[in-house]
Structures are given as structure tokens and as C-alpha cells.
Amino acid sequence: MRMSEIPIEGQPPVDGYAPGGFRIAGLWHAGHVLLLPGGVTRVEGLEAGLDAAIAAGDALDLLLLGQGPDIAPVPAALRSRAEASGLALEPMATPSACRTYNVLLTEDRRVGALLLAL
């Protein structure tokens, strides 16, 4: 079964990813993206995306951080800002973040994803 066969209300799922961007709800988005309940936004990187997610207020409980092909620790200053706002961060490789995001959407979780392009 493909994710496109599972009905998801509200936030758009990630249909696919390739070097340089993502296909989300049937549309290609080049570069890094932030997926929130309000839609998809192109961002310049980890810090800018995290700032935008924090600005979303209490719309999220969890932000998945797709950090590219590998996983790395989140810089302490960024993690502190997220924790102070009540936002939990879950760093992982981008492919894993795309899959996890889609699964959590099917569970009606209050989740967002900051996906750095491969």
C-alpha cells in the first residue's frame, strides 16, 4: 500500500523525496521545507525552520527534524529555544523523518516536520 492510498485529513503528506527537494501533496518543493498545520513553507535551514515552527505557537507537540542523509545532534542553543517554547524535537535522517511524519499524520498527531533536502 502506498501512503497516497491512506486518507489523511488536514496537513499534506510527503509523497516522495529526491536530491534537492520533496513532492508534497502532488507538488514539487525545491530545497528545505517546513510542514505545519498551516501548510508547507520553504526555509533556508535548520535555524530558520525552527524559528518558524516556534512561531506557530501551540499548534505542534512534536517537530521532526530531517537533517539530510545523516543524523546529528541538534545544537544546544536551538534545542533550548525549542524546549522553552514547549516544542519537542526529534532529530533523524530526512528519509526517516518523511516516513515518520506520514505515519504520525494518520494517527492525527500534532506533528510538524522540518525537512532538509538531500
PDB file of N, CA and C in Angstrom:
ATOM      1  N   MET A   1       0.844  -1.177   0.000  1.00  0.00           N
ATOM      2  CA  MET A   1       0.000   0.000   0.000  1.00  0.00           C
ATOM      3  C   MET A   1       0.886   1.236   0.000  1.00  0.00           C
ATOM      4  N   ARG A   2       0.538   2.203  -0.816  1.00  0.00           N
ATOM      5  CA  ARG A   2       1.260   3.464  -0.847  1.00  0.00           C
ATOM      6  C   ARG A   2       0.578   4.446   0.098  1.00  0.00           C
ATOM      7  N   MET A   3       1.374   5.401   0.637  1.00  0.00           N
ATOM      8  CA  MET A   3       0.815   6.398   1.549  1.00  0.00           C
ATOM      9  C   MET A   3      -0.298   7.192   0.879  1.00  0.00           C
ATOM     10  N   SER A   4      -0.237   7.369  -0.439  1.00  0.00           N
ATOM     11  CA  SER A   4      -1.264   8.135  -1.141  1.00  0.00           C
ATOM     12  C   SER A   4      -2.615   7.426  -1.101  1.00  0.00           C
ATOM     13  N   GLU A   5      -2.646   6.152  -0.720  1.00  0.00           N
ATOM     14  CA  GLU A   5      -3.891   5.404  -0.637  1.00  0.00           C
ATOM     15  C   GLU A   5      -4.540   5.518   0.733  1.00  0.00           C
ATOM     16  N   ILE A   6      -3.841   6.134   1.693  1.00  0.00           N
ATOM     17  CA  ILE A   6      -4.374   6.297   3.040  1.00  0.00           C
ATOM     18  C   ILE A   6      -4.906   7.717   3.161  1.00  0.00           C
ATOM     19  N   PRO A   7      -6.194   7.876   3.455  1.00  0.00           N
ATOM     20  CA  PRO A   7      -6.732   9.249   3.557  1.00  0.00           C
ATOM     21  C   PRO A   7      -6.169   9.972   4.787  1.00  0.00           C
ATOM     22  N   ILE A   8      -5.662  11.181   4.566  1.00  0.00           N
ATOM     23  CA  ILE A   8      -5.126  12.000   5.646  1.00  0.00           C
ATOM     24  C   ILE A   8      -5.841  13.336   5.586  1.00  0.00           C
ATOM     25  N   GLU A   9      -6.498  13.709   6.662  1.00  0.00           N
ATOM     26  CA  GLU A   9      -7.207  14.980   6.728  1.00  0.00           C
ATOM     27  C   GLU A   9      -6.256  16.078   7.174  1.00  0.00           C
ATOM     28  N   GLY A  10      -6.430  17.270   6.652  1.00  0.00           N
ATOM     29  CA  GLY A  10      -5.655  18.420   7.136  1.00  0.00           C
ATOM     30  C   GLY A  10      -4.310  18.547   6.470  1.00  0.00           C
ATOM     31  N   GLN A  11      -3.245  18.329   7.226  1.00  0.00           N
ATOM     32  CA  GLN A  11      -1.891  18.527   6.735  1.00  0.00           C
ATOM     33  C   GLN A  11      -1.581  17.602   5.562  1.00  0.00           C
ATOM     34  N   PRO A  12      -0.825  18.116   4.585  1.00  0.00           N
ATOM     35  CA  PRO A  12      -0.477  17.266   3.444  1.00  0.00           C
ATOM     36  C   PRO A  12       0.630  16.279   3.783  1.00  0.00           C
ATOM     37  N   PRO A  13       0.568  15.061   3.260  1.00  0.00           N
ATOM     38  CA  PRO A  13       1.638  14.087   3.480  1.00  0.00           C
ATOM     39  C   PRO A  13       2.793  14.328   2.510  1.00  0.00           C
ATOM     40  N   VAL A  14       3.926  13.731   2.826  1.00  0.00           N
ATOM     41  CA  VAL A  14       5.074  13.734   1.925  1.00  0.00           C
ATOM     42  C   VAL A  14       4.888  12.566   0.964  1.00  0.00           C
ATOM     43  N   ASP A  15       4.784  12.880  -0.321  1.00  0.00           N
ATOM     44  CA  ASP A  15       4.614  11.829  -1.327  1.00  0.00           C
ATOM     45  C   ASP A  15       5.941  11.204  -1.723  1.00  0.00           C
ATOM     46  N   GLY A  16       7.010  12.007  -1.672  1.00  0.00           N
ATOM     47  CA  GLY A  16       8.311  11.491  -2.063  1.00  0.00           C
ATOM     48  C   GLY A  16       9.397  12.532  -1.860  1.00  0.00           C
ATOM     49  N   TYR A  17      10.634  12.098  -2.002  1.00  0.00           N
ATOM     50  CA  TYR A  17      11.772  12.997  -1.874  1.00  0.00           C
ATOM     51  C   TYR A  17      12.831  12.553  -2.862  1.00  0.00           C
ATOM     52  N   ALA A  18      13.659  13.495  -3.258  1.00  0.00           N
ATOM     53  CA  ALA A  18      14.755  13.243  -4.175  1.00  0.00           C
ATOM     54  C   ALA A  18      15.822  14.282  -3.870  1.00  0.00           C
ATOM     55  N   PRO A  19      17.025  14.087  -4.400  1.00  0.00           N
ATOM     56  CA  PRO A  19      18.035  15.123  -4.174  1.00  0.00           C
ATOM     57  C   PRO A  19      17.493  16.499  -4.597  1.00  0.00           C
ATOM     58  N   GLY A  20      17.527  17.426  -3.670  1.00  0.00           N
ATOM     59  CA  GLY A  20      17.112  18.787  -3.985  1.00  0.00           C
ATOM     60  C   GLY A  20      15.713  19.174  -3.581  1.00  0.00           C
ATOM     61  N   GLY A  21      14.881  18.240  -3.118  1.00  0.00           N
ATOM     62  CA  GLY A  21      13.540  18.658  -2.722  1.00  0.00           C
ATOM     63  C   GLY A  21      12.578  17.522  -2.409  1.00  0.00           C
ATOM     64  N   PHE A  22      11.289  17.895  -2.374  1.00  0.00           N
ATOM     65  CA  PHE A  22      10.246  16.992  -1.896  1.00  0.00           C
ATOM     66  C   PHE A  22       8.985  17.133  -2.745  1.00  0.00           C
ATOM     67  N   ARG A  23       8.253  16.043  -2.911  1.00  0.00           N
ATOM     68  CA  ARG A  23       6.914  16.082  -3.505  1.00  0.00           C
ATOM     69  C   ARG A  23       5.933  15.960  -2.344  1.00  0.00           C
ATOM     70  N   ILE A  24       5.141  17.007  -2.169  1.00  0.00           N
ATOM     71  CA  ILE A  24       4.203  17.065  -1.051  1.00  0.00           C
ATOM     72  C   ILE A  24       2.823  17.351  -1.610  1.00  0.00           C
ATOM     73  N   ALA A  25       1.877  16.455  -1.342  1.00  0.00           N
ATOM     74  CA  ALA A  25       0.506  16.580  -1.847  1.00  0.00           C
ATOM     75  C   ALA A  25       0.510  16.807  -3.354  1.00  0.00           C
ATOM     76  N   GLY A  26       1.398  16.088  -4.052  1.00  0.00           N
ATOM     77  CA  GLY A  26       1.433  16.141  -5.502  1.00  0.00           C
ATOM     78  C   GLY A  26       2.223  17.288  -6.108  1.00  0.00           C
ATOM     79  N   LEU A  27       2.758  18.197  -5.294  1.00  0.00           N
ATOM     80  CA  LEU A  27       3.506  19.348  -5.801  1.00  0.00           C
ATOM     81  C   LEU A  27       4.977  19.240  -5.412  1.00  0.00           C
ATOM     82  N   TRP A  28       5.867  19.638  -6.337  1.00  0.00           N
ATOM     83  CA  TRP A  28       7.308  19.609  -6.079  1.00  0.00           C
ATOM     84  C   TRP A  28       7.714  20.875  -5.330  1.00  0.00           C
ATOM     85  N   HIS A  29       8.485  20.708  -4.250  1.00  0.00           N
ATOM     86  CA  HIS A  29       9.029  21.817  -3.460  1.00  0.00           C
ATOM     87  C   HIS A  29      10.540  21.656  -3.428  1.00  0.00           C
ATOM     88  N   ALA A  30      11.239  22.597  -4.072  1.00  0.00           N
ATOM     89  CA  ALA A  30      12.702  22.544  -4.103  1.00  0.00           C
ATOM     90  C   ALA A  30      13.274  23.088  -2.801  1.00  0.00           C
ATOM     91  N   GLY A  31      14.351  22.487  -2.339  1.00  0.00           N
ATOM     92  CA  GLY A  31      15.043  22.967  -1.150  1.00  0.00           C
ATOM     93  C   GLY A  31      14.475  22.417   0.138  1.00  0.00           C
ATOM     94  N   HIS A  32      14.817  23.089   1.240  1.00  0.00           N
ATOM     95  CA  HIS A  32      14.384  22.681   2.576  1.00  0.00           C
ATOM     96  C   HIS A  32      12.959  23.171   2.813  1.00  0.00           C
ATOM     97  N   VAL A  33      12.151  22.364   3.510  1.00  0.00           N
ATOM     98  CA  VAL A  33      10.755  22.735   3.755  1.00  0.00           C
ATOM     99  C   VAL A  33      10.368  22.514   5.214  1.00  0.00           C
ATOM    100  N   LEU A  34       9.376  23.284   5.635  1.00  0.00           N
ATOM    101  CA  LEU A  34       8.766  23.133   6.951  1.00  0.00           C
ATOM    102  C   LEU A  34       7.303  22.814   6.735  1.00  0.00           C
ATOM    103  N   LEU A  35       6.859  21.689   7.274  1.00  0.00           N
ATOM    104  CA  LEU A  35       5.461  21.280   7.164  1.00  0.00           C
ATOM    105  C   LEU A  35       4.777  21.508   8.501  1.00  0.00           C
ATOM    106  N   LEU A  36       3.764  22.360   8.484  1.00  0.00           N
ATOM    107  CA  LEU A  36       2.992  22.710   9.674  1.00  0.00           C
ATOM    108  C   LEU A  36       1.514  22.560   9.367  1.00  0.00           C
ATOM    109  N   PRO A  37       0.648  22.621  10.376  1.00  0.00           N
ATOM    110  CA  PRO A  37      -0.784  22.546  10.100  1.00  0.00           C
ATOM    111  C   PRO A  37      -1.255  23.615   9.103  1.00  0.00           C
ATOM    112  N   GLY A  38      -0.569  24.749   9.037  1.00  0.00           N
ATOM    113  CA  GLY A  38      -0.953  25.816   8.108  1.00  0.00           C
ATOM    114  C   GLY A  38      -0.468  25.615   6.689  1.00  0.00           C
ATOM    115  N   GLY A  39       0.350  24.614   6.444  1.00  0.00           N
ATOM    116  CA  GLY A  39       0.828  24.356   5.097  1.00  0.00           C
ATOM    117  C   GLY A  39       2.323  24.125   5.024  1.00  0.00           C
ATOM    118  N   VAL A  40       2.847  24.256   3.818  1.00  0.00           N
ATOM    119  CA  VAL A  40       4.252  23.991   3.523  1.00  0.00           C
ATOM    120  C   VAL A  40       4.955  25.318   3.273  1.00  0.00           C
ATOM    121  N   THR A  41       6.112  25.500   3.896  1.00  0.00           N
ATOM    122  CA  THR A  41       6.901  26.715   3.731  1.00  0.00           C
ATOM    123  C   THR A  41       8.331  26.335   3.380  1.00  0.00           C
ATOM    124  N   ARG A  42       8.904  27.017   2.413  1.00  0.00           N
ATOM    125  CA  ARG A  42      10.322  26.818   2.107  1.00  0.00           C
ATOM    126  C   ARG A  42      11.129  27.581   3.147  1.00  0.00           C
ATOM    127  N   VAL A  43      12.185  26.959   3.672  1.00  0.00           N
ATOM    128  CA  VAL A  43      13.043  27.602   4.670  1.00  0.00           C
ATOM    129  C   VAL A  43      14.497  27.492   4.230  1.00  0.00           C
ATOM    130  N   GLU A  44      15.335  28.324   4.819  1.00  0.00           N
ATOM    131  CA  GLU A  44      16.745  28.369   4.437  1.00  0.00           C
ATOM    132  C   GLU A  44      17.615  27.379   5.203  1.00  0.00           C
ATOM    133  N   GLY A  45      17.110  26.796   6.265  1.00  0.00           N
ATOM    134  CA  GLY A  45      17.918  25.844   7.009  1.00  0.00           C
ATOM    135  C   GLY A  45      17.321  25.539   8.365  1.00  0.00           C
ATOM    136  N   LEU A  46      18.097  24.857   9.176  1.00  0.00           N
ATOM    137  CA  LEU A  46      17.641  24.376  10.472  1.00  0.00           C
ATOM    138  C   LEU A  46      17.181  25.511  11.387  1.00  0.00           C
ATOM    139  N   GLU A  47      17.986  26.540  11.543  1.00  0.00           N
ATOM    140  CA  GLU A  47      17.640  27.610  12.470  1.00  0.00           C
ATOM    141  C   GLU A  47      16.401  28.379  12.014  1.00  0.00           C
ATOM    142  N   ALA A  48      16.326  28.725  10.741  1.00  0.00           N
ATOM    143  CA  ALA A  48      15.165  29.457  10.220  1.00  0.00           C
ATOM    144  C   ALA A  48      13.896  28.610  10.334  1.00  0.00           C
ATOM    145  N   GLY A  49      14.008  27.336  10.051  1.00  0.00           N
ATOM    146  CA  GLY A  49      12.852  26.454  10.161  1.00  0.00           C
ATOM    147  C   GLY A  49      12.376  26.299  11.587  1.00  0.00           C
ATOM    148  N   LEU A  50      13.315  26.178  12.496  1.00  0.00           N
ATOM    149  CA  LEU A  50      12.945  26.050  13.902  1.00  0.00           C
ATOM    150  C   LEU A  50      12.282  27.324  14.407  1.00  0.00           C
ATOM    151  N   ASP A  51      12.801  28.485  14.002  1.00  0.00           N
ATOM    152  CA  ASP A  51      12.171  29.755  14.387  1.00  0.00           C
ATOM    153  C   ASP A  51      10.724  29.805  13.906  1.00  0.00           C
ATOM    154  N   ALA A  52      10.473  29.383  12.669  1.00  0.00           N
ATOM    155  CA  ALA A  52       9.116  29.394  12.122  1.00  0.00           C
ATOM    156  C   ALA A  52       8.212  28.404  12.855  1.00  0.00           C
ATOM    157  N   ALA A  53       8.747  27.251  13.233  1.00  0.00           N
ATOM    158  CA  ALA A  53       7.954  26.261  13.964  1.00  0.00           C
ATOM    159  C   ALA A  53       7.596  26.783  15.348  1.00  0.00           C
ATOM    160  N   ILE A  54       8.537  27.438  16.018  1.00  0.00           N
ATOM    161  CA  ILE A  54       8.264  28.008  17.335  1.00  0.00           C
ATOM    162  C   ILE A  54       7.211  29.105  17.221  1.00  0.00           C
ATOM    163  N   ALA A  55       7.280  29.877  16.141  1.00  0.00           N
ATOM    164  CA  ALA A  55       6.308  30.950  15.927  1.00  0.00           C
ATOM    165  C   ALA A  55       4.893  30.408  15.709  1.00  0.00           C
ATOM    166  N   ALA A  56       4.786  29.139  15.318  1.00  0.00           N
ATOM    167  CA  ALA A  56       3.468  28.532  15.119  1.00  0.00           C
ATOM    168  C   ALA A  56       2.728  28.354  16.438  1.00  0.00           C
ATOM    169  N   GLY A  57       3.413  28.606  17.530  1.00  0.00           N
ATOM    170  CA  GLY A  57       2.768  28.532  18.844  1.00  0.00           C
ATOM    171  C   GLY A  57       2.480  27.116  19.267  1.00  0.00           C
ATOM    172  N   ASP A  58       1.321  26.920  19.839  1.00  0.00           N
ATOM    173  CA  ASP A  58       0.979  25.601  20.389  1.00  0.00           C
ATOM    174  C   ASP A  58       0.272  24.702  19.385  1.00  0.00           C
ATOM    175  N   ALA A  59       0.479  24.946  18.092  1.00  0.00           N
ATOM    176  CA  ALA A  59      -0.135  24.103  17.067  1.00  0.00           C
ATOM    177  C   ALA A  59       0.531  22.730  16.990  1.00  0.00           C
ATOM    178  N   LEU A  60       1.738  22.608  17.552  1.00  0.00           N
ATOM    179  CA  LEU A  60       2.505  21.369  17.472  1.00  0.00           C
ATOM    180  C   LEU A  60       2.901  20.876  18.850  1.00  0.00           C
ATOM    181  N   ASP A  61       3.012  19.562  18.956  1.00  0.00           N
ATOM    182  CA  ASP A  61       3.613  18.943  20.137  1.00  0.00           C
ATOM    183  C   ASP A  61       5.004  18.424  19.807  1.00  0.00           C
ATOM    184  N   LEU A  62       5.214  18.088  18.533  1.00  0.00           N
ATOM    185  CA  LEU A  62       6.451  17.436  18.117  1.00  0.00           C
ATOM    186  C   LEU A  62       6.881  17.980  16.766  1.00  0.00           C
ATOM    187  N   LEU A  63       8.168  18.245  16.630  1.00  0.00           N
ATOM    188  CA  LEU A  63       8.746  18.645  15.355  1.00  0.00           C
ATOM    189  C   LEU A  63       9.819  17.632  14.986  1.00  0.00           C
ATOM    190  N   LEU A  64       9.620  16.945  13.871  1.00  0.00           N
ATOM    191  CA  LEU A  64      10.611  16.018  13.349  1.00  0.00           C
ATOM    192  C   LEU A  64      11.645  16.823  12.574  1.00  0.00           C
ATOM    193  N   LEU A  65      12.901  16.551  12.818  1.00  0.00           N
ATOM    194  CA  LEU A  65      13.989  17.247  12.127  1.00  0.00           C
ATOM    195  C   LEU A  65      14.672  16.287  11.177  1.00  0.00           C
ATOM    196  N   GLY A  66      14.346  16.385   9.902  1.00  0.00           N
ATOM    197  CA  GLY A  66      15.022  15.588   8.885  1.00  0.00           C
ATOM    198  C   GLY A  66      16.298  16.310   8.499  1.00  0.00           C
ATOM    199  N   GLN A  67      17.444  15.801   8.941  1.00  0.00           N
ATOM    200  CA  GLN A  67      18.707  16.521   8.851  1.00  0.00           C
ATOM    201  C   GLN A  67      19.537  16.163   7.618  1.00  0.00           C
ATOM    202  N   GLY A  68      18.925  15.663   6.583  1.00  0.00           N
ATOM    203  CA  GLY A  68      19.670  15.248   5.395  1.00  0.00           C
ATOM    204  C   GLY A  68      19.920  13.752   5.438  1.00  0.00           C
ATOM    205  N   PRO A  69      21.009  13.292   4.818  1.00  0.00           N
ATOM    206  CA  PRO A  69      21.235  11.846   4.754  1.00  0.00           C
ATOM    207  C   PRO A  69      21.664  11.220   6.075  1.00  0.00           C
ATOM    208  N   ASP A  70      22.154  12.038   7.001  1.00  0.00           N
ATOM    209  CA  ASP A  70      22.647  11.525   8.287  1.00  0.00           C
ATOM    210  C   ASP A  70      21.981  12.259   9.440  1.00  0.00           C
ATOM    211  N   ILE A  71      22.138  11.717  10.629  1.00  0.00           N
ATOM    212  CA  ILE A  71      21.610  12.345  11.837  1.00  0.00           C
ATOM    213  C   ILE A  71      22.771  13.000  12.590  1.00  0.00           C
ATOM    214  N   ALA A  72      22.468  14.118  13.217  1.00  0.00           N
ATOM    215  CA  ALA A  72      23.476  14.836  14.005  1.00  0.00           C
ATOM    216  C   ALA A  72      22.800  15.430  15.225  1.00  0.00           C
ATOM    217  N   PRO A  73      23.548  15.686  16.274  1.00  0.00           N
ATOM    218  CA  PRO A  73      22.953  16.338  17.445  1.00  0.00           C
ATOM    219  C   PRO A  73      22.433  17.732  17.073  1.00  0.00           C
ATOM    220  N   VAL A  74      21.326  18.101  17.678  1.00  0.00           N
ATOM    221  CA  VAL A  74      20.781  19.445  17.489  1.00  0.00           C
ATOM    222  C   VAL A  74      21.624  20.394  18.343  1.00  0.00           C
ATOM    223  N   PRO A  75      22.075  21.516  17.767  1.00  0.00           N
ATOM    224  CA  PRO A  75      22.854  22.463  18.577  1.00  0.00           C
ATOM    225  C   PRO A  75      22.115  22.827  19.864  1.00  0.00           C
ATOM    226  N   ALA A  76      22.855  22.907  20.954  1.00  0.00           N
ATOM    227  CA  ALA A  76      22.268  23.132  22.283  1.00  0.00           C
ATOM    228  C   ALA A  76      21.405  24.386  22.339  1.00  0.00           C
ATOM    229  N   ALA A  77      21.830  25.459  21.695  1.00  0.00           N
ATOM    230  CA  ALA A  77      21.059  26.704  21.735  1.00  0.00           C
ATOM    231  C   ALA A  77      19.699  26.536  21.053  1.00  0.00           C
ATOM    232  N   LEU A  78      19.669  25.793  19.937  1.00  0.00           N
ATOM    233  CA  LEU A  78      18.393  25.563  19.242  1.00  0.00           C
ATOM    234  C   LEU A  78      17.485  24.656  20.066  1.00  0.00           C
ATOM    235  N   ARG A  79      18.068  23.608  20.642  1.00  0.00           N
ATOM    236  CA  ARG A  79      17.264  22.695  21.473  1.00  0.00           C
ATOM    237  C   ARG A  79      16.684  23.439  22.672  1.00  0.00           C
ATOM    238  N   SER A  80      17.458  24.311  23.288  1.00  0.00           N
ATOM    239  CA  SER A  80      16.980  25.090  24.440  1.00  0.00           C
ATOM    240  C   SER A  80      15.818  25.994  24.052  1.00  0.00           C
ATOM    241  N   ARG A  81      15.929  26.647  22.888  1.00  0.00           N
ATOM    242  CA  ARG A  81      14.824  27.513  22.434  1.00  0.00           C
ATOM    243  C   ARG A  81      13.557  26.708  22.197  1.00  0.00           C
ATOM    244  N   ALA A  82      13.699  25.545  21.597  1.00  0.00           N
ATOM    245  CA  ALA A  82      12.527  24.702  21.348  1.00  0.00           C
ATOM    246  C   ALA A  82      11.906  24.240  22.661  1.00  0.00           C
ATOM    247  N   GLU A  83      12.723  23.768  23.578  1.00  0.00           N
ATOM    248  CA  GLU A  83      12.217  23.288  24.866  1.00  0.00           C
ATOM    249  C   GLU A  83      11.535  24.405  25.641  1.00  0.00           C
ATOM    250  N   ALA A  84      12.093  25.605  25.589  1.00  0.00           N
ATOM    251  CA  ALA A  84      11.487  26.740  26.295  1.00  0.00           C
ATOM    252  C   ALA A  84      10.110  27.077  25.735  1.00  0.00           C
ATOM    253  N   SER A  85       9.894  26.768  24.455  1.00  0.00           N
ATOM    254  CA  SER A  85       8.590  27.038  23.844  1.00  0.00           C
ATOM    255  C   SER A  85       7.624  25.861  24.008  1.00  0.00           C
ATOM    256  N   GLY A  86       8.097  24.748  24.579  1.00  0.00           N
ATOM    257  CA  GLY A  86       7.248  23.572  24.768  1.00  0.00           C
ATOM    258  C   GLY A  86       7.217  22.641  23.574  1.00  0.00           C
ATOM    259  N   LEU A  87       8.125  22.825  22.631  1.00  0.00           N
ATOM    260  CA  LEU A  87       8.159  22.016  21.417  1.00  0.00           C
ATOM    261  C   LEU A  87       9.208  20.918  21.550  1.00  0.00           C
ATOM    262  N   ALA A  88       8.781  19.678  21.393  1.00  0.00           N
ATOM    263  CA  ALA A  88       9.712  18.546  21.432  1.00  0.00           C
ATOM    264  C   ALA A  88      10.330  18.362  20.053  1.00  0.00           C
ATOM    265  N   LEU A  89      11.626  18.103  20.019  1.00  0.00           N
ATOM    266  CA  LEU A  89      12.354  17.877  18.771  1.00  0.00           C
ATOM    267  C   LEU A  89      12.766  16.420  18.663  1.00  0.00           C
ATOM    268  N   GLU A  90      12.673  15.885  17.456  1.00  0.00           N
ATOM    269  CA  GLU A  90      13.110  14.507  17.217  1.00  0.00           C
ATOM    270  C   GLU A  90      13.998  14.498  15.969  1.00  0.00           C
ATOM    271  N   PRO A  91      15.329  14.542  16.164  1.00  0.00           N
ATOM    272  CA  PRO A  91      16.224  14.535  15.007  1.00  0.00           C
ATOM    273  C   PRO A  91      16.353  13.144  14.402  1.00  0.00           C
ATOM    274  N   MET A  92      16.433  13.101  13.077  1.00  0.00           N
ATOM    275  CA  MET A  92      16.613  11.855  12.342  1.00  0.00           C
ATOM    276  C   MET A  92      17.043  12.190  10.923  1.00  0.00           C
ATOM    277  N   ALA A  93      17.419  11.200  10.165  1.00  0.00           N
ATOM    278  CA  ALA A  93      17.738  11.409   8.759  1.00  0.00           C
ATOM    279  C   ALA A  93      16.454  11.793   8.009  1.00  0.00           C
ATOM    280  N   THR A  94      16.599  12.553   6.946  1.00  0.00           N
ATOM    281  CA  THR A  94      15.432  13.043   6.205  1.00  0.00           C
ATOM    282  C   THR A  94      14.511  11.918   5.712  1.00  0.00           C
ATOM    283  N   PRO A  95      15.024  10.838   5.107  1.00  0.00           N
ATOM    284  CA  PRO A  95      14.104   9.783   4.673  1.00  0.00           C
ATOM    285  C   PRO A  95      13.256   9.225   5.826  1.00  0.00           C
ATOM    286  N   SER A  96      13.876   9.019   6.983  1.00  0.00           N
ATOM    287  CA  SER A  96      13.139   8.527   8.153  1.00  0.00           C
ATOM    288  C   SER A  96      12.114   9.545   8.628  1.00  0.00           C
ATOM    289  N   ALA A  97      12.475  10.825   8.587  1.00  0.00           N
ATOM    290  CA  ALA A  97      11.553  11.876   9.018  1.00  0.00           C
ATOM    291  C   ALA A  97      10.329  11.930   8.111  1.00  0.00           C
ATOM    292  N   CYS A  98      10.520  11.751   6.809  1.00  0.00           N
ATOM    293  CA  CYS A  98       9.376  11.754   5.881  1.00  0.00           C
ATOM    294  C   CYS A  98       8.410  10.617   6.207  1.00  0.00           C
ATOM    295  N   ARG A  99       8.936   9.431   6.399  1.00  0.00           N
ATOM    296  CA  ARG A  99       8.083   8.278   6.703  1.00  0.00           C
ATOM    297  C   ARG A  99       7.388   8.434   8.052  1.00  0.00           C
ATOM    298  N   THR A 100       8.138   8.861   9.066  1.00  0.00           N
ATOM    299  CA  THR A 100       7.573   9.023  10.406  1.00  0.00           C
ATOM    300  C   THR A 100       6.490  10.085  10.408  1.00  0.00           C
ATOM    301  N   TYR A 101       6.730  11.185   9.714  1.00  0.00           N
ATOM    302  CA  TYR A 101       5.747  12.267   9.609  1.00  0.00           C
ATOM    303  C   TYR A 101       4.426  11.738   9.043  1.00  0.00           C
ATOM    304  N   ASN A 102       4.499  10.981   7.957  1.00  0.00           N
ATOM    305  CA  ASN A 102       3.280  10.457   7.345  1.00  0.00           C
ATOM    306  C   ASN A 102       2.522   9.525   8.294  1.00  0.00           C
ATOM    307  N   VAL A 103       3.253   8.674   8.988  1.00  0.00           N
ATOM    308  CA  VAL A 103       2.610   7.751   9.935  1.00  0.00           C
ATOM    309  C   VAL A 103       1.917   8.533  11.055  1.00  0.00           C
ATOM    310  N   LEU A 104       2.600   9.535  11.604  1.00  0.00           N
ATOM    311  CA  LEU A 104       2.005  10.318  12.693  1.00  0.00           C
ATOM    312  C   LEU A 104       0.795  11.119  12.216  1.00  0.00           C
ATOM    313  N   LEU A 105       0.796  11.541  10.951  1.00  0.00           N
ATOM    314  CA  LEU A 105      -0.389  12.222  10.415  1.00  0.00           C
ATOM    315  C   LEU A 105      -1.598  11.298  10.411  1.00  0.00           C
ATOM    316  N   THR A 106      -1.378  10.026  10.072  1.00  0.00           N
ATOM    317  CA  THR A 106      -2.507   9.090  10.046  1.00  0.00           C
ATOM    318  C   THR A 106      -3.069   8.852  11.440  1.00  0.00           C
ATOM    319  N   GLU A 107      -2.268   9.146  12.466  1.00  0.00           N
ATOM    320  CA  GLU A 107      -2.715   8.999  13.858  1.00  0.00           C
ATOM    321  C   GLU A 107      -3.280  10.300  14.422  1.00  0.00           C
ATOM    322  N   ASP A 108      -3.454  11.312  13.560  1.00  0.00           N
ATOM    323  CA  ASP A 108      -3.980  12.626  13.972  1.00  0.00           C
ATOM    324  C   ASP A 108      -3.127  13.266  15.058  1.00  0.00           C
ATOM    325  N   ARG A 109      -1.817  13.084  14.984  1.00  0.00           N
ATOM    326  CA  ARG A 109      -0.906  13.696  15.943  1.00  0.00           C
ATOM    327  C   ARG A 109      -0.633  15.137  15.552  1.00  0.00           C
ATOM    328  N   ARG A 110      -0.303  15.970  16.531  1.00  0.00           N
ATOM    329  CA  ARG A 110       0.031  17.379  16.298  1.00  0.00           C
ATOM    330  C   ARG A 110       1.518  17.461  15.996  1.00  0.00           C
ATOM    331  N   VAL A 111       1.858  17.135  14.752  1.00  0.00           N
ATOM    332  CA  VAL A 111       3.246  16.986  14.349  1.00  0.00           C
ATOM    333  C   VAL A 111       3.572  17.922  13.186  1.00  0.00           C
ATOM    334  N   GLY A 112       4.815  18.366  13.165  1.00  0.00           N
ATOM    335  CA  GLY A 112       5.346  19.115  12.043  1.00  0.00           C
ATOM    336  C   GLY A 112       6.653  18.479  11.647  1.00  0.00           C
ATOM    337  N   ALA A 113       7.170  18.884  10.488  1.00  0.00           N
ATOM    338  CA  ALA A 113       8.443  18.338  10.033  1.00  0.00           C
ATOM    339  C   ALA A 113       9.263  19.445   9.383  1.00  0.00           C
ATOM    340  N   LEU A 114      10.487  19.534   9.794  1.00  0.00           N
ATOM    341  CA  LEU A 114      11.470  20.394   9.162  1.00  0.00           C
ATOM    342  C   LEU A 114      12.388  19.471   8.399  1.00  0.00           C
ATOM    343  N   LEU A 115      12.299  19.510   7.072  1.00  0.00           N
ATOM    344  CA  LEU A 115      12.989  18.553   6.233  1.00  0.00           C
ATOM    345  C   LEU A 115      14.082  19.244   5.432  1.00  0.00           C
ATOM    346  N   LEU A 116      15.321  18.888   5.708  1.00  0.00           N
ATOM    347  CA  LEU A 116      16.440  19.407   4.934  1.00  0.00           C
ATOM    348  C   LEU A 116      16.642  18.510   3.725  1.00  0.00           C
ATOM    349  N   ALA A 117      16.719  19.122   2.551  1.00  0.00           N
ATOM    350  CA  ALA A 117      16.826  18.368   1.306  1.00  0.00           C
ATOM    351  C   ALA A 117      18.110  17.553   1.265  1.00  0.00           C
ATOM    352  N   LEU A 118      18.037  16.443   0.582  1.00  0.00           N
ATOM    353  CA  LEU A 118      19.209  15.562   0.423  1.00  0.00           C
ATOM    354  C   LEU A 118      20.154  16.147  -0.600  1.00  0.00           C
TER     355      LEU A 118
END
